[in-house]
Protein backbone atom coordinates (compact mmCIF):
# COMPACT_ATOMS: atom_id res chain seq x y z
CA MET A 1 3.76 26.61 -7.45
CA ARG A 2 1.41 27.10 -10.49
CA LEU A 3 1.95 29.45 -13.10
CA PRO A 4 -0.54 30.61 -15.44
CA TRP A 5 -0.05 28.59 -18.92
CA ARG A 6 1.50 30.63 -21.46
CA LYS A 7 1.44 30.68 -24.96
CA THR A 8 4.83 30.75 -27.39
CA GLN A 9 6.01 33.53 -28.80
CA SER A 10 5.11 32.45 -32.23
CA GLU A 11 1.00 32.14 -30.44
CA ALA A 12 0.67 35.05 -28.32
CA GLY A 13 -1.58 37.69 -29.59
CA PRO A 14 0.23 41.43 -29.85
CA ASP A 15 -0.48 41.85 -26.21
CA GLU A 16 -0.07 38.56 -24.47
CA PRO A 17 2.84 37.91 -22.65
CA ALA A 18 4.64 35.01 -24.71
CA ALA A 19 7.16 32.11 -23.18
CA PRO A 20 10.05 31.74 -24.99
CA GLU A 21 10.02 29.32 -28.11
CA PRO A 22 11.53 26.02 -26.90
CA MET A 23 14.96 24.67 -28.48
CA ASP A 24 15.06 20.75 -28.77
CA VAL A 25 18.02 19.32 -26.34
CA ALA A 26 18.32 15.44 -26.77
CA ILE A 27 19.47 12.58 -23.82
CA ARG A 28 20.51 9.87 -23.99
CA ASP A 29 18.73 8.26 -21.50
CA GLU A 30 15.45 7.51 -20.75
CA SER A 31 15.45 10.30 -18.14
CA ILE A 32 17.70 13.07 -16.73
CA ARG A 33 17.99 15.45 -13.59
CA LEU A 34 17.24 18.87 -13.76
CA GLY A 35 20.46 19.93 -12.52
CA GLN A 36 21.94 18.05 -15.19
CA PHE A 37 20.02 19.45 -18.06
CA LEU A 38 20.65 23.08 -17.14
CA LYS A 39 23.89 22.68 -18.23
CA LEU A 40 23.33 20.16 -20.83
CA ALA A 41 21.42 22.71 -23.06
CA ASN A 42 24.01 25.45 -21.75
CA LEU A 43 21.10 27.44 -19.66
CA VAL A 44 24.01 27.32 -17.09
CA GLU A 45 27.93 27.48 -17.31
CA THR A 46 27.87 24.81 -14.72
CA GLY A 47 26.76 22.45 -12.72
CA ALA A 48 27.38 24.71 -9.72
CA GLU A 49 25.54 27.51 -10.76
CA ALA A 50 22.37 25.58 -11.34
CA LYS A 51 21.91 24.65 -7.98
CA PRO A 52 21.64 28.09 -6.45
CA VAL A 53 18.88 29.36 -9.66
CA ILE A 54 17.12 25.94 -8.47
CA ALA A 55 16.94 26.43 -5.22
CA ASP A 56 15.99 30.51 -5.55
CA GLY A 57 12.95 28.79 -7.51
CA LEU A 58 14.00 30.47 -11.04
CA VAL A 59 13.50 27.48 -12.83
CA LEU A 60 10.11 26.51 -14.48
CA VAL A 61 9.50 23.05 -15.61
CA ASN A 62 6.39 22.36 -17.76
CA GLY A 63 5.56 25.60 -16.61
CA GLU A 64 5.50 25.63 -12.83
CA VAL A 65 8.92 26.85 -10.29
CA GLU A 66 10.73 23.49 -9.50
CA THR A 67 13.04 24.08 -6.81
CA ARG A 68 14.35 19.90 -6.45
CA ARG A 69 17.91 19.57 -8.46
CA GLY A 70 17.50 15.97 -9.20
CA ARG A 71 14.17 16.47 -10.33
CA GLN A 72 13.87 13.59 -13.39
CA LEU A 73 12.94 15.09 -16.73
CA ARG A 74 11.66 13.15 -19.24
CA VAL A 75 11.24 13.71 -23.18
CA GLY A 76 8.73 16.41 -24.24
CA ASP A 77 9.69 18.23 -20.01
CA VAL A 78 10.26 22.20 -21.15
CA VAL A 79 12.51 23.78 -18.65
CA GLU A 80 12.63 27.31 -18.35
CA LEU A 81 15.43 29.89 -17.38
CA LYS A 82 15.87 33.45 -17.86
CA GLY A 83 14.18 33.64 -20.61
CA GLN A 84 15.01 30.91 -22.60
CA ALA A 85 13.69 27.53 -22.97
CA ALA A 86 14.84 23.41 -23.69
CA ARG A 87 12.61 21.18 -24.47
CA VAL A 88 13.86 17.22 -23.87
CA SER A 89 14.02 15.30 -26.84
CA ASP A 90 15.20 11.64 -27.64
CA GLN A 91 18.18 10.68 -30.12
CA ASP A 92 16.33 10.52 -32.72
CA THR A 93 15.56 14.36 -32.41
CA ALA A 94 17.69 16.72 -34.36
CA ASP A 95 18.79 19.19 -31.56
CA ASP A 96 18.83 22.92 -32.10
CA LEU A 97 22.15 23.79 -30.37
CA PRO A 98 24.43 25.83 -32.78
CA TRP A 99 27.29 22.85 -32.50
């Protein structure tokens, strides 16, 4: 299911709904599975928590609902869940995580 393109908070006008500003989360390899990335980015606490939120259609990847936990993400993909967003980045990019 394709959702309408949403502007980030800094791009949206005062009356427009905005997508959350994504934080960069570095991965070691060329790709990572969606369920693993949700945990890495701290969008869920455990891998077990990832399964139902994905299956219930609560996760967006690049603005589209994604229900496959094994979906392969690559650098540049943006994942949204519960008003938070994380962008897959490579290790050369400093992440925005607080630790």
